[in-house]
Amino acid sequence: MDAARQQPSVVTGCAVVLVDDRLGDTIPAEAVPVLRRAAAVHADKGLTDSARAASGATEPPSTPELLERARHEAVVLIASEEHSEAVAELLSAGAELVRSRPPRGAELLDAVTVMDRLRSPDGCPWDAGQTHDSLRTYLVEETYELLDALERRDRAAMREELGDVLLQVLFHARVAAEDERDPFDVDTVAAELVSKLVSRHPHVFATDAAVHDAESQHARWEELKQAEKQRESAVDGVAHGQPAVALAAKLAQRARRAGVPADLLPGGSGVGAELFALAARAEHRGLDPEDELRAVALAFDERVRAAEMSARESGAGTNGLSAELWRRHWPVGE
């Protein structure tokens, strides 16, 4: 369109209402008075059939005729594409633009749509062939990659790895939706999550005087979970598949909150008992033993690399370093 060309003016009340297909047939609240005042409401060719039917909008005339009518009466065009010819011409002629304001999280709808497309008959054969079992390895890998990004405080990597973990959630939910015996989808997952969060935070969503601080909140949470899931034991629900140090700390935490005396925790001189005792001690002090051990391990990793680099720079190489050479090149003060 030639920007220098004189555009016809339109009367007050003419507008373009842009809707977001991701939100279904939702019309922006700001568009309601505009639609009420309109002499004619038309649906752009890109609008979905359901939105067209719900709005009662009619097929628009040709763009020149639409512009001519807009010079004499309030014409509203409902569209889903801002760059269509009719929309562009009306806006250039001075029509008001009213657009949908997607709520936070609207991009998740696109992610769900893409996942559905990948699993569809015309999608990706590899994605279509995955099962809950085949995806287990990827879930573990992506989780550890996210933990690594968090450890390094790498914001770009955090965004990417959070997306990869989200992909696993969407993937498993999509696979679950195809189960013939007990299907559920991502909406079911989200709905149950919302219900759980609300029920476990009565101090936020209702009146619960029993919660005063973070510690009482944790205790109250465990009470609510035990009642909700009808648990018979204080250690029901602890995931046994997690790393052993984290498992020990979680069991120690549950035992402590249930009032189990400290002297009943695993004891003895064996390595396993000593590790359990250390994990329990860390948990009691409010520390995550997994994080504490990881920090020491990563620091040790850096020291080994620094010593090897020092040895190479001195011409000693790194194959078969003696204990004396390791000590000589070990970082000072470590």
C-alpha atoms as a PDB file:
ATOM      1  CA  MET A   1       0.000   0.000   0.000  1.00  0.00           C
ATOM      2  CA  ASP A   2       1.378   3.439  -0.957  1.00  0.00           C
ATOM      3  CA  ALA A   3       1.802   5.357   2.307  1.00  0.00           C
ATOM      4  CA  ALA A   4       1.739   8.650   0.421  1.00  0.00           C
ATOM      5  CA  ARG A   5      -1.675   7.928  -1.080  1.00  0.00           C
ATOM      6  CA  GLN A   6      -4.504   9.950   0.423  1.00  0.00           C
ATOM      7  CA  GLN A   7      -6.571   7.638   2.620  1.00  0.00           C
ATOM      8  CA  PRO A   8     -10.330   8.127   3.010  1.00  0.00           C
ATOM      9  CA  SER A   9     -11.378   9.117   6.528  1.00  0.00           C
ATOM     10  CA  VAL A  10     -13.854   6.997   8.485  1.00  0.00           C
ATOM     11  CA  VAL A  11     -16.579   7.996  10.892  1.00  0.00           C
ATOM     12  CA  THR A  12     -16.248   7.725  14.646  1.00  0.00           C
ATOM     13  CA  GLY A  13     -17.053   4.217  15.833  1.00  0.00           C
ATOM     14  CA  CYS A  14     -15.295   2.390  13.025  1.00  0.00           C
ATOM     15  CA  ALA A  15     -12.923  -0.171  14.479  1.00  0.00           C
ATOM     16  CA  VAL A  16     -10.875  -3.287  13.918  1.00  0.00           C
ATOM     17  CA  VAL A  17     -11.254  -5.867  16.698  1.00  0.00           C
ATOM     18  CA  LEU A  18      -8.282  -8.240  16.774  1.00  0.00           C
ATOM     19  CA  VAL A  19      -8.950 -11.538  18.543  1.00  0.00           C
ATOM     20  CA  ASP A  20      -6.439 -14.154  19.630  1.00  0.00           C
ATOM     21  CA  ASP A  21      -7.197 -17.603  18.207  1.00  0.00           C
ATOM     22  CA  ARG A  22      -5.471 -19.192  21.194  1.00  0.00           C
ATOM     23  CA  LEU A  23      -8.208 -17.845  23.454  1.00  0.00           C
ATOM     24  CA  GLY A  24     -11.017 -19.452  21.491  1.00  0.00           C
ATOM     25  CA  ASP A  25     -13.995 -17.230  20.697  1.00  0.00           C
ATOM     26  CA  THR A  26     -13.166 -14.641  23.353  1.00  0.00           C
ATOM     27  CA  ILE A  27     -13.831 -11.019  22.428  1.00  0.00           C
ATOM     28  CA  PRO A  28     -11.874  -8.256  24.234  1.00  0.00           C
ATOM     29  CA  ALA A  29     -13.986  -6.525  26.886  1.00  0.00           C
ATOM     30  CA  GLU A  30     -13.065  -3.146  25.340  1.00  0.00           C
ATOM     31  CA  ALA A  31     -14.754  -4.265  22.121  1.00  0.00           C
ATOM     32  CA  VAL A  32     -18.222  -4.669  23.687  1.00  0.00           C
ATOM     33  CA  PRO A  33     -19.269  -0.969  23.538  1.00  0.00           C
ATOM     34  CA  VAL A  34     -17.729  -0.678  20.076  1.00  0.00           C
ATOM     35  CA  LEU A  35     -19.785  -3.612  18.814  1.00  0.00           C
ATOM     36  CA  ARG A  36     -22.950  -2.254  20.400  1.00  0.00           C
ATOM     37  CA  ARG A  37     -22.609   1.064  18.590  1.00  0.00           C
ATOM     38  CA  ALA A  38     -21.696  -0.473  15.237  1.00  0.00           C
ATOM     39  CA  ALA A  39     -24.029  -0.185  12.268  1.00  0.00           C
ATOM     40  CA  ALA A  40     -22.413  -3.254  10.698  1.00  0.00           C
ATOM     41  CA  VAL A  41     -20.105  -5.974  12.057  1.00  0.00           C
ATOM     42  CA  HIS A  42     -18.072  -8.047   9.617  1.00  0.00           C
ATOM     43  CA  ALA A  43     -15.745 -11.018  10.037  1.00  0.00           C
ATOM     44  CA  ASP A  44     -12.419 -10.978   8.236  1.00  0.00           C
ATOM     45  CA  LYS A  45     -11.664 -13.987   6.073  1.00  0.00           C
ATOM     46  CA  GLY A  46      -9.052 -15.328   8.504  1.00  0.00           C
ATOM     47  CA  LEU A  47     -11.501 -15.581  11.416  1.00  0.00           C
ATOM     48  CA  THR A  48     -12.424 -19.093  12.554  1.00  0.00           C
ATOM     49  CA  ASP A  49     -15.898 -20.400  11.738  1.00  0.00           C
ATOM     50  CA  SER A  50     -16.765 -20.742  15.428  1.00  0.00           C
ATOM     51  CA  ALA A  51     -15.757 -17.147  16.179  1.00  0.00           C
ATOM     52  CA  ARG A  52     -17.680 -15.944  13.135  1.00  0.00           C
ATOM     53  CA  ALA A  53     -20.799 -17.786  14.267  1.00  0.00           C
ATOM     54  CA  ALA A  54     -20.500 -16.701  17.911  1.00  0.00           C
ATOM     55  CA  SER A  55     -20.111 -13.015  17.013  1.00  0.00           C
ATOM     56  CA  GLY A  56     -22.887 -13.007  14.411  1.00  0.00           C
ATOM     57  CA  ALA A  57     -20.536 -11.129  12.080  1.00  0.00           C
ATOM     58  CA  THR A  58     -21.203 -11.229   8.355  1.00  0.00           C
ATOM     59  CA  GLU A  59     -18.941 -11.612   5.353  1.00  0.00           C
ATOM     60  CA  PRO A  60     -17.407  -8.221   4.526  1.00  0.00           C
ATOM     61  CA  PRO A  61     -17.782  -6.619   1.094  1.00  0.00           C
ATOM     62  CA  SER A  62     -14.723  -5.878  -1.014  1.00  0.00           C
ATOM     63  CA  THR A  63     -12.146  -3.685   0.659  1.00  0.00           C
ATOM     64  CA  PRO A  64     -12.961  -0.554  -1.420  1.00  0.00           C
ATOM     65  CA  GLU A  65     -16.665  -0.936  -0.651  1.00  0.00           C
ATOM     66  CA  LEU A  66     -15.913  -1.560   3.050  1.00  0.00           C
ATOM     67  CA  LEU A  67     -13.918   1.674   3.182  1.00  0.00           C
ATOM     68  CA  GLU A  68     -16.674   3.584   1.411  1.00  0.00           C
ATOM     69  CA  ARG A  69     -19.278   2.375   3.928  1.00  0.00           C
ATOM     70  CA  ALA A  70     -16.939   3.287   6.774  1.00  0.00           C
ATOM     71  CA  ARG A  71     -17.026   6.893   5.579  1.00  0.00           C
ATOM     72  CA  HIS A  72     -20.741   7.060   6.361  1.00  0.00           C
ATOM     73  CA  GLU A  73     -21.440   4.567   9.170  1.00  0.00           C
ATOM     74  CA  ALA A  74     -19.708   2.822  12.064  1.00  0.00           C
ATOM     75  CA  VAL A  75     -18.228  -0.369  10.614  1.00  0.00           C
ATOM     76  CA  VAL A  76     -16.454  -2.947  12.781  1.00  0.00           C
ATOM     77  CA  LEU A  77     -14.244  -5.676  11.358  1.00  0.00           C
ATOM     78  CA  ILE A  78     -13.395  -8.642  13.600  1.00  0.00           C
ATOM     79  CA  ALA A  79     -10.107 -10.244  12.545  1.00  0.00           C
ATOM     80  CA  SER A  80      -7.373 -12.551  13.781  1.00  0.00           C
ATOM     81  CA  GLU A  81      -4.652 -11.238  11.473  1.00  0.00           C
ATOM     82  CA  GLU A  82      -3.418  -7.676  11.766  1.00  0.00           C
ATOM     83  CA  HIS A  83      -1.783  -7.618   8.349  1.00  0.00           C
ATOM     84  CA  SER A  84      -4.724  -8.585   6.140  1.00  0.00           C
ATOM     85  CA  GLU A  85      -5.611  -6.099   3.423  1.00  0.00           C
ATOM     86  CA  ALA A  86      -8.967  -5.056   4.888  1.00  0.00           C
ATOM     87  CA  VAL A  87      -7.500  -4.567   8.378  1.00  0.00           C
ATOM     88  CA  ALA A  88      -4.539  -2.562   7.089  1.00  0.00           C
ATOM     89  CA  GLU A  89      -6.750  -0.310   4.961  1.00  0.00           C
ATOM     90  CA  LEU A  90      -9.244   0.378   7.752  1.00  0.00           C
ATOM     91  CA  LEU A  91      -6.503   1.202  10.237  1.00  0.00           C
ATOM     92  CA  SER A  92      -4.782   3.476   7.731  1.00  0.00           C
ATOM     93  CA  ALA A  93      -8.084   5.244   7.223  1.00  0.00           C
ATOM     94  CA  GLY A  94      -8.311   6.019  10.931  1.00  0.00           C
ATOM     95  CA  ALA A  95     -10.324   3.126  12.392  1.00  0.00           C
ATOM     96  CA  GLU A  96      -9.766   2.372  16.074  1.00  0.00           C
ATOM     97  CA  LEU A  97      -7.771  -0.739  16.932  1.00  0.00           C
ATOM     98  CA  VAL A  98      -9.073  -2.922  19.768  1.00  0.00           C
ATOM     99  CA  ARG A  99      -6.971  -5.995  20.444  1.00  0.00           C
ATOM    100  CA  SER A 100      -7.076  -8.953  22.817  1.00  0.00           C
ATOM    101  CA  ARG A 101      -4.686  -8.895  25.752  1.00  0.00           C
ATOM    102  CA  PRO A 102      -3.600 -12.489  26.271  1.00  0.00           C
ATOM    103  CA  PRO A 103      -3.239 -13.426  29.942  1.00  0.00           C
ATOM    104  CA  ARG A 104       0.094 -14.528  31.363  1.00  0.00           C
ATOM    105  CA  GLY A 105       0.742 -18.083  30.265  1.00  0.00           C
ATOM    106  CA  ALA A 106      -0.945 -17.729  26.872  1.00  0.00           C
ATOM    107  CA  GLU A 107       2.247 -18.898  25.171  1.00  0.00           C
ATOM    108  CA  LEU A 108       1.706 -22.257  26.874  1.00  0.00           C
ATOM    109  CA  LEU A 109      -1.290 -22.710  24.576  1.00  0.00           C
ATOM    110  CA  ASP A 110       1.045 -22.536  21.587  1.00  0.00           C
ATOM    111  CA  ALA A 111       3.321 -25.103  23.215  1.00  0.00           C
ATOM    112  CA  VAL A 112       0.377 -27.471  23.685  1.00  0.00           C
ATOM    113  CA  THR A 113      -0.681 -26.943  20.063  1.00  0.00           C
ATOM    114  CA  VAL A 114       2.818 -27.695  18.772  1.00  0.00           C
ATOM    115  CA  MET A 115       2.991 -30.852  20.910  1.00  0.00           C
ATOM    116  CA  ASP A 116      -0.368 -31.998  19.534  1.00  0.00           C
ATOM    117  CA  ARG A 117       0.879 -31.391  15.981  1.00  0.00           C
ATOM    118  CA  LEU A 118       4.042 -33.403  16.575  1.00  0.00           C
ATOM    119  CA  ARG A 119       1.989 -36.395  17.789  1.00  0.00           C
ATOM    120  CA  SER A 120      -0.583 -36.129  14.996  1.00  0.00           C
ATOM    121  CA  PRO A 121      -0.595 -38.430  11.916  1.00  0.00           C
ATOM    122  CA  ASP A 122       1.044 -35.709   9.796  1.00  0.00           C
ATOM    123  CA  GLY A 123       3.543 -34.833  12.531  1.00  0.00           C
ATOM    124  CA  CYS A 124       6.945 -36.244  13.464  1.00  0.00           C
ATOM    125  CA  PRO A 125       7.347 -40.046  13.334  1.00  0.00           C
ATOM    126  CA  TRP A 126       9.883 -40.018  16.170  1.00  0.00           C
ATOM    127  CA  ASP A 127       7.653 -37.946  18.476  1.00  0.00           C
ATOM    128  CA  ALA A 128       4.641 -40.064  17.559  1.00  0.00           C
ATOM    129  CA  GLY A 129       6.495 -43.239  18.511  1.00  0.00           C
ATOM    130  CA  GLN A 130       7.473 -42.214  22.042  1.00  0.00           C
ATOM    131  CA  THR A 131       5.963 -43.758  25.179  1.00  0.00           C
ATOM    132  CA  HIS A 132       6.111 -42.960  28.887  1.00  0.00           C
ATOM    133  CA  ASP A 133       8.887 -45.537  29.262  1.00  0.00           C
ATOM    134  CA  SER A 134      10.963 -44.304  26.321  1.00  0.00           C
ATOM    135  CA  LEU A 135      10.788 -40.721  27.607  1.00  0.00           C
ATOM    136  CA  ARG A 136      11.999 -41.504  31.134  1.00  0.00           C
ATOM    137  CA  THR A 137      15.683 -41.077  30.253  1.00  0.00           C
ATOM    138  CA  TYR A 138      15.059 -37.659  28.707  1.00  0.00           C
ATOM    139  CA  LEU A 139      13.145 -36.456  31.756  1.00  0.00           C
ATOM    140  CA  VAL A 140      16.071 -37.340  34.007  1.00  0.00           C
ATOM    141  CA  GLU A 141      18.632 -35.818  31.601  1.00  0.00           C
ATOM    142  CA  GLU A 142      16.718 -32.561  31.178  1.00  0.00           C
ATOM    143  CA  THR A 143      16.212 -32.244  34.926  1.00  0.00           C
ATOM    144  CA  TYR A 144      19.930 -32.577  35.602  1.00  0.00           C
ATOM    145  CA  GLU A 145      20.734 -30.117  32.809  1.00  0.00           C
ATOM    146  CA  LEU A 146      18.377 -27.624  34.440  1.00  0.00           C
ATOM    147  CA  LEU A 147      20.056 -28.211  37.814  1.00  0.00           C
ATOM    148  CA  ASP A 148      23.406 -27.568  36.155  1.00  0.00           C
ATOM    149  CA  ALA A 149      22.146 -24.291  34.652  1.00  0.00           C
ATOM    150  CA  LEU A 150      20.827 -23.237  38.064  1.00  0.00           C
ATOM    151  CA  GLU A 151      24.171 -24.100  39.659  1.00  0.00           C
ATOM    152  CA  ARG A 152      26.008 -21.944  37.095  1.00  0.00           C
ATOM    153  CA  ARG A 153      23.471 -19.101  37.390  1.00  0.00           C
ATOM    154  CA  ASP A 154      23.337 -19.132  33.575  1.00  0.00           C
ATOM    155  CA  ARG A 155      20.130 -17.250  32.763  1.00  0.00           C
ATOM    156  CA  ALA A 156      20.081 -18.164  29.067  1.00  0.00           C
ATOM    157  CA  ALA A 157      20.644 -21.828  29.865  1.00  0.00           C
ATOM    158  CA  MET A 158      17.967 -21.675  32.574  1.00  0.00           C
ATOM    159  CA  ARG A 159      15.399 -20.454  30.051  1.00  0.00           C
ATOM    160  CA  GLU A 160      16.333 -23.194  27.615  1.00  0.00           C
ATOM    161  CA  GLU A 161      16.426 -25.996  30.170  1.00  0.00           C
ATOM    162  CA  LEU A 162      13.162 -24.915  31.800  1.00  0.00           C
ATOM    163  CA  GLY A 163      11.649 -25.170  28.329  1.00  0.00           C
ATOM    164  CA  ASP A 164      13.075 -28.652  27.900  1.00  0.00           C
ATOM    165  CA  VAL A 165      11.615 -29.768  31.239  1.00  0.00           C
ATOM    166  CA  LEU A 166       8.277 -28.225  30.249  1.00  0.00           C
ATOM    167  CA  LEU A 167       8.472 -30.180  26.998  1.00  0.00           C
ATOM    168  CA  GLN A 168       8.687 -33.397  28.997  1.00  0.00           C
ATOM    169  CA  VAL A 169       5.545 -32.454  30.944  1.00  0.00           C
ATOM    170  CA  LEU A 170       3.656 -31.651  27.732  1.00  0.00           C
ATOM    171  CA  PHE A 171       4.989 -34.816  26.079  1.00  0.00           C
ATOM    172  CA  HIS A 172       3.883 -37.133  28.888  1.00  0.00           C
ATOM    173  CA  ALA A 173       0.490 -35.425  29.116  1.00  0.00           C
ATOM    174  CA  ARG A 174      -0.023 -35.831  25.348  1.00  0.00           C
ATOM    175  CA  VAL A 175       0.953 -39.508  25.493  1.00  0.00           C
ATOM    176  CA  ALA A 176      -1.414 -39.982  28.434  1.00  0.00           C
ATOM    177  CA  ALA A 177      -4.288 -38.480  26.443  1.00  0.00           C
ATOM    178  CA  GLU A 178      -3.993 -41.361  23.968  1.00  0.00           C
ATOM    179  CA  ASP A 179      -4.313 -44.092  26.588  1.00  0.00           C
ATOM    180  CA  GLU A 180      -7.404 -46.192  25.910  1.00  0.00           C
ATOM    181  CA  ARG A 181      -7.949 -47.362  29.493  1.00  0.00           C
ATOM    182  CA  ASP A 182      -7.296 -44.234  31.557  1.00  0.00           C
ATOM    183  CA  PRO A 183      -6.786 -41.143  29.370  1.00  0.00           C
ATOM    184  CA  PHE A 184      -6.052 -37.690  30.778  1.00  0.00           C
ATOM    185  CA  ASP A 185      -4.632 -34.586  29.168  1.00  0.00           C
ATOM    186  CA  VAL A 186      -2.632 -31.487  30.055  1.00  0.00           C
ATOM    187  CA  ASP A 187      -5.781 -29.662  31.203  1.00  0.00           C
ATOM    188  CA  THR A 188      -6.455 -32.434  33.700  1.00  0.00           C
ATOM    189  CA  VAL A 189      -2.883 -32.184  34.958  1.00  0.00           C
ATOM    190  CA  ALA A 190      -3.153 -28.400  35.324  1.00  0.00           C
ATOM    191  CA  ALA A 191      -6.573 -28.592  37.002  1.00  0.00           C
ATOM    192  CA  GLU A 192      -5.360 -31.106  39.578  1.00  0.00           C
ATOM    193  CA  LEU A 193      -2.283 -28.963  40.233  1.00  0.00           C
ATOM    194  CA  VAL A 194      -4.425 -25.883  40.855  1.00  0.00           C
ATOM    195  CA  SER A 195      -6.725 -27.846  43.160  1.00  0.00           C
ATOM    196  CA  LYS A 196      -3.741 -29.181  45.114  1.00  0.00           C
ATOM    197  CA  LEU A 197      -2.079 -25.772  45.456  1.00  0.00           C
ATOM    198  CA  VAL A 198      -5.286 -24.167  46.699  1.00  0.00           C
ATOM    199  CA  SER A 199      -6.134 -26.951  49.152  1.00  0.00           C
ATOM    200  CA  ARG A 200      -2.598 -26.992  50.574  1.00  0.00           C
ATOM    201  CA  HIS A 201      -2.455 -23.228  51.066  1.00  0.00           C
ATOM    202  CA  PRO A 202      -5.550 -22.495  53.149  1.00  0.00           C
ATOM    203  CA  HIS A 203      -3.632 -19.636  54.774  1.00  0.00           C
ATOM    204  CA  VAL A 204      -3.574 -17.959  51.348  1.00  0.00           C
ATOM    205  CA  PHE A 205      -6.907 -18.940  49.830  1.00  0.00           C
ATOM    206  CA  ALA A 206      -8.937 -19.291  53.040  1.00  0.00           C
ATOM    207  CA  THR A 207      -8.686 -18.665  56.774  1.00  0.00           C
ATOM    208  CA  ASP A 208      -6.197 -20.886  58.573  1.00  0.00           C
ATOM    209  CA  ALA A 209      -4.787 -19.529  61.815  1.00  0.00           C
ATOM    210  CA  ALA A 210      -2.550 -22.591  62.199  1.00  0.00           C
ATOM    211  CA  VAL A 211       0.112 -21.165  59.866  1.00  0.00           C
ATOM    212  CA  HIS A 212       2.379 -18.452  61.261  1.00  0.00           C
ATOM    213  CA  ASP A 213       5.766 -19.021  59.641  1.00  0.00           C
ATOM    214  CA  ALA A 214       7.594 -21.189  57.091  1.00  0.00           C
ATOM    215  CA  GLU A 215       8.179 -24.049  59.535  1.00  0.00           C
ATOM    216  CA  SER A 216       4.545 -24.244  60.630  1.00  0.00           C
ATOM    217  CA  GLN A 217       3.568 -24.018  56.972  1.00  0.00           C
ATOM    218  CA  HIS A 218       5.681 -27.099  56.196  1.00  0.00           C
ATOM    219  CA  ALA A 219       4.145 -28.980  59.102  1.00  0.00           C
ATOM    220  CA  ARG A 220       0.632 -27.969  58.074  1.00  0.00           C
ATOM    221  CA  TRP A 221       1.395 -28.975  54.488  1.00  0.00           C
ATOM    222  CA  GLU A 222       2.399 -32.460  55.587  1.00  0.00           C
ATOM    223  CA  GLU A 223      -0.801 -32.769  57.634  1.00  0.00           C
ATOM    224  CA  LEU A 224      -2.921 -31.721  54.660  1.00  0.00           C
ATOM    225  CA  LYS A 225      -1.089 -34.083  52.293  1.00  0.00           C
ATOM    226  CA  GLN A 226      -1.457 -36.995  54.688  1.00  0.00           C
ATOM    227  CA  ALA A 227      -5.203 -36.372  55.027  1.00  0.00           C
ATOM    228  CA  GLU A 228      -5.654 -35.718  51.309  1.00  0.00           C
ATOM    229  CA  LYS A 229      -3.821 -38.833  50.176  1.00  0.00           C
ATOM    230  CA  GLN A 230      -5.020 -40.938  53.120  1.00  0.00           C
ATOM    231  CA  ARG A 231      -1.438 -41.826  53.997  1.00  0.00           C
ATOM    232  CA  GLU A 232      -0.900 -44.370  56.718  1.00  0.00           C
ATOM    233  CA  SER A 233       2.772 -43.603  57.343  1.00  0.00           C
ATOM    234  CA  ALA A 234       4.806 -40.455  57.875  1.00  0.00           C
ATOM    235  CA  VAL A 235       7.140 -41.643  55.110  1.00  0.00           C
ATOM    236  CA  ASP A 236       4.457 -42.492  52.548  1.00  0.00           C
ATOM    237  CA  GLY A 237       4.992 -40.616  49.310  1.00  0.00           C
ATOM    238  CA  VAL A 238       8.772 -40.305  49.589  1.00  0.00           C
ATOM    239  CA  ALA A 239      10.182 -41.088  46.137  1.00  0.00           C
ATOM    240  CA  HIS A 240      12.614 -43.997  46.522  1.00  0.00           C
ATOM    241  CA  GLY A 241      14.072 -43.398  43.070  1.00  0.00           C
ATOM    242  CA  GLN A 242      15.780 -40.134  44.001  1.00  0.00           C
ATOM    243  CA  PRO A 243      19.540 -39.966  44.703  1.00  0.00           C
ATOM    244  CA  ALA A 244      20.448 -41.762  47.933  1.00  0.00           C
ATOM    245  CA  VAL A 245      21.701 -38.685  49.800  1.00  0.00           C
ATOM    246  CA  ALA A 246      18.521 -36.764  48.972  1.00  0.00           C
ATOM    247  CA  LEU A 247      16.444 -39.827  49.926  1.00  0.00           C
ATOM    248  CA  ALA A 248      18.150 -40.065  53.302  1.00  0.00           C
ATOM    249  CA  ALA A 249      17.582 -36.360  53.981  1.00  0.00           C
ATOM    250  CA  LYS A 250      13.903 -36.587  53.014  1.00  0.00           C
ATOM    251  CA  LEU A 251      13.304 -39.605  55.225  1.00  0.00           C
ATOM    252  CA  ALA A 252      15.092 -37.880  58.108  1.00  0.00           C
ATOM    253  CA  GLN A 253      12.941 -34.790  57.588  1.00  0.00           C
ATOM    254  CA  ARG A 254       9.700 -36.785  57.602  1.00  0.00           C
ATOM    255  CA  ALA A 255      10.837 -38.706  60.688  1.00  0.00           C
ATOM    256  CA  ARG A 256      11.783 -35.521  62.550  1.00  0.00           C
ATOM    257  CA  ARG A 257       8.425 -33.888  61.806  1.00  0.00           C
ATOM    258  CA  ALA A 258       6.640 -37.058  62.924  1.00  0.00           C
ATOM    259  CA  GLY A 259       8.484 -36.893  66.255  1.00  0.00           C
ATOM    260  CA  VAL A 260      10.805 -39.867  65.729  1.00  0.00           C
ATOM    261  CA  PRO A 261      13.648 -39.553  68.315  1.00  0.00           C
ATOM    262  CA  ALA A 262      17.075 -38.860  66.855  1.00  0.00           C
ATOM    263  CA  ASP A 263      18.551 -41.941  68.535  1.00  0.00           C
ATOM    264  CA  LEU A 264      16.300 -44.150  66.379  1.00  0.00           C
ATOM    265  CA  LEU A 265      17.904 -42.976  63.142  1.00  0.00           C
ATOM    266  CA  PRO A 266      20.239 -45.471  61.427  1.00  0.00           C
ATOM    267  CA  GLY A 267      23.475 -45.843  63.378  1.00  0.00           C
ATOM    268  CA  GLY A 268      26.656 -47.825  63.210  1.00  0.00           C
ATOM    269  CA  SER A 269      30.138 -47.490  61.799  1.00  0.00           C
ATOM    270  CA  GLY A 270      29.340 -48.544  58.234  1.00  0.00           C
ATOM    271  CA  VAL A 271      29.793 -46.069  55.403  1.00  0.00           C
ATOM    272  CA  GLY A 272      26.072 -46.115  54.609  1.00  0.00           C
ATOM    273  CA  ALA A 273      25.104 -45.349  58.214  1.00  0.00           C
ATOM    274  CA  GLU A 274      27.658 -42.553  58.363  1.00  0.00           C
ATOM    275  CA  LEU A 275      26.335 -41.039  55.135  1.00  0.00           C
ATOM    276  CA  PHE A 276      22.762 -41.238  56.432  1.00  0.00           C
ATOM    277  CA  ALA A 277      23.819 -39.525  59.661  1.00  0.00           C
ATOM    278  CA  LEU A 278      25.514 -36.728  57.708  1.00  0.00           C
ATOM    279  CA  ALA A 279      22.444 -36.269  55.496  1.00  0.00           C
ATOM    280  CA  ALA A 280      20.178 -36.156  58.558  1.00  0.00           C
ATOM    281  CA  ARG A 281      22.472 -33.659  60.264  1.00  0.00           C
ATOM    282  CA  ALA A 282      22.468 -31.392  57.209  1.00  0.00           C
ATOM    283  CA  GLU A 283      18.679 -31.533  56.932  1.00  0.00           C
ATOM    284  CA  HIS A 284      18.315 -30.687  60.618  1.00  0.00           C
ATOM    285  CA  ARG A 285      20.480 -27.599  60.051  1.00  0.00           C
ATOM    286  CA  GLY A 286      18.309 -26.513  57.126  1.00  0.00           C
ATOM    287  CA  LEU A 287      20.864 -27.492  54.491  1.00  0.00           C
ATOM    288  CA  ASP A 288      20.327 -29.603  51.386  1.00  0.00           C
ATOM    289  CA  PRO A 289      22.945 -32.369  51.636  1.00  0.00           C
ATOM    290  CA  GLU A 290      22.719 -33.015  47.896  1.00  0.00           C
ATOM    291  CA  ASP A 291      23.605 -29.368  47.182  1.00  0.00           C
ATOM    292  CA  GLU A 292      26.341 -29.366  49.815  1.00  0.00           C
ATOM    293  CA  LEU A 293      27.962 -32.497  48.380  1.00  0.00           C
ATOM    294  CA  ARG A 294      27.585 -31.219  44.824  1.00  0.00           C
ATOM    295  CA  ALA A 295      29.317 -27.941  45.716  1.00  0.00           C
ATOM    296  CA  VAL A 296      32.294 -29.782  47.211  1.00  0.00           C
ATOM    297  CA  ALA A 297      32.432 -32.189  44.256  1.00  0.00           C
ATOM    298  CA  LEU A 298      32.398 -29.352  41.719  1.00  0.00           C
ATOM    299  CA  ALA A 299      35.093 -27.485  43.644  1.00  0.00           C
ATOM    300  CA  PHE A 300      37.210 -30.657  43.627  1.00  0.00           C
ATOM    301  CA  ASP A 301      36.612 -30.968  39.873  1.00  0.00           C
ATOM    302  CA  GLU A 302      38.003 -27.441  39.380  1.00  0.00           C
ATOM    303  CA  ARG A 303      41.069 -28.170  41.516  1.00  0.00           C
ATOM    304  CA  VAL A 304      41.907 -31.317  39.568  1.00  0.00           C
ATOM    305  CA  ARG A 305      41.648 -29.398  36.302  1.00  0.00           C
ATOM    306  CA  ALA A 306      43.766 -26.541  37.662  1.00  0.00           C
ATOM    307  CA  ALA A 307      46.493 -28.963  38.795  1.00  0.00           C
ATOM    308  CA  GLU A 308      46.494 -30.691  35.400  1.00  0.00           C
ATOM    309  CA  MET A 309      46.779 -27.374  33.584  1.00  0.00           C
ATOM    310  CA  SER A 310      49.658 -26.337  35.834  1.00  0.00           C
ATOM    311  CA  ALA A 311      51.407 -29.647  35.145  1.00  0.00           C
ATOM    312  CA  ARG A 312      50.995 -29.266  31.380  1.00  0.00           C
ATOM    313  CA  GLU A 313      52.316 -25.698  31.462  1.00  0.00           C
ATOM    314  CA  SER A 314      55.377 -26.906  33.367  1.00  0.00           C
ATOM    315  CA  GLY A 315      55.997 -29.603  30.765  1.00  0.00           C
ATOM    316  CA  ALA A 316      55.200 -32.483  33.094  1.00  0.00           C
ATOM    317  CA  GLY A 317      52.142 -33.625  31.148  1.00  0.00           C
ATOM    318  CA  THR A 318      49.173 -35.215  32.878  1.00  0.00           C
ATOM    319  CA  ASN A 319      49.618 -38.939  32.194  1.00  0.00           C
ATOM    320  CA  GLY A 320      50.631 -40.823  35.291  1.00  0.00           C
ATOM    321  CA  LEU A 321      51.356 -37.890  37.589  1.00  0.00           C
ATOM    322  CA  SER A 322      52.994 -39.001  40.804  1.00  0.00           C
ATOM    323  CA  ALA A 323      51.582 -38.080  44.174  1.00  0.00           C
ATOM    324  CA  GLU A 324      54.481 -35.624  44.537  1.00  0.00           C
ATOM    325  CA  LEU A 325      53.599 -33.866  41.270  1.00  0.00           C
ATOM    326  CA  TRP A 326      49.904 -33.731  42.163  1.00  0.00           C
ATOM    327  CA  ARG A 327      50.803 -32.001  45.415  1.00  0.00           C
ATOM    328  CA  ARG A 328      53.251 -29.684  43.688  1.00  0.00           C
ATOM    329  CA  HIS A 329      50.694 -28.451  41.167  1.00  0.00           C
ATOM    330  CA  TRP A 330      47.656 -28.516  43.457  1.00  0.00           C
ATOM    331  CA  PRO A 331      46.082 -24.994  43.797  1.00  0.00           C
ATOM    332  CA  VAL A 332      47.649 -23.107  46.684  1.00  0.00           C
ATOM    333  CA  GLY A 333      45.489 -22.827  49.776  1.00  0.00           C
ATOM    334  CA  GLU A 334      43.096 -25.622  48.703  1.00  0.00           C
END
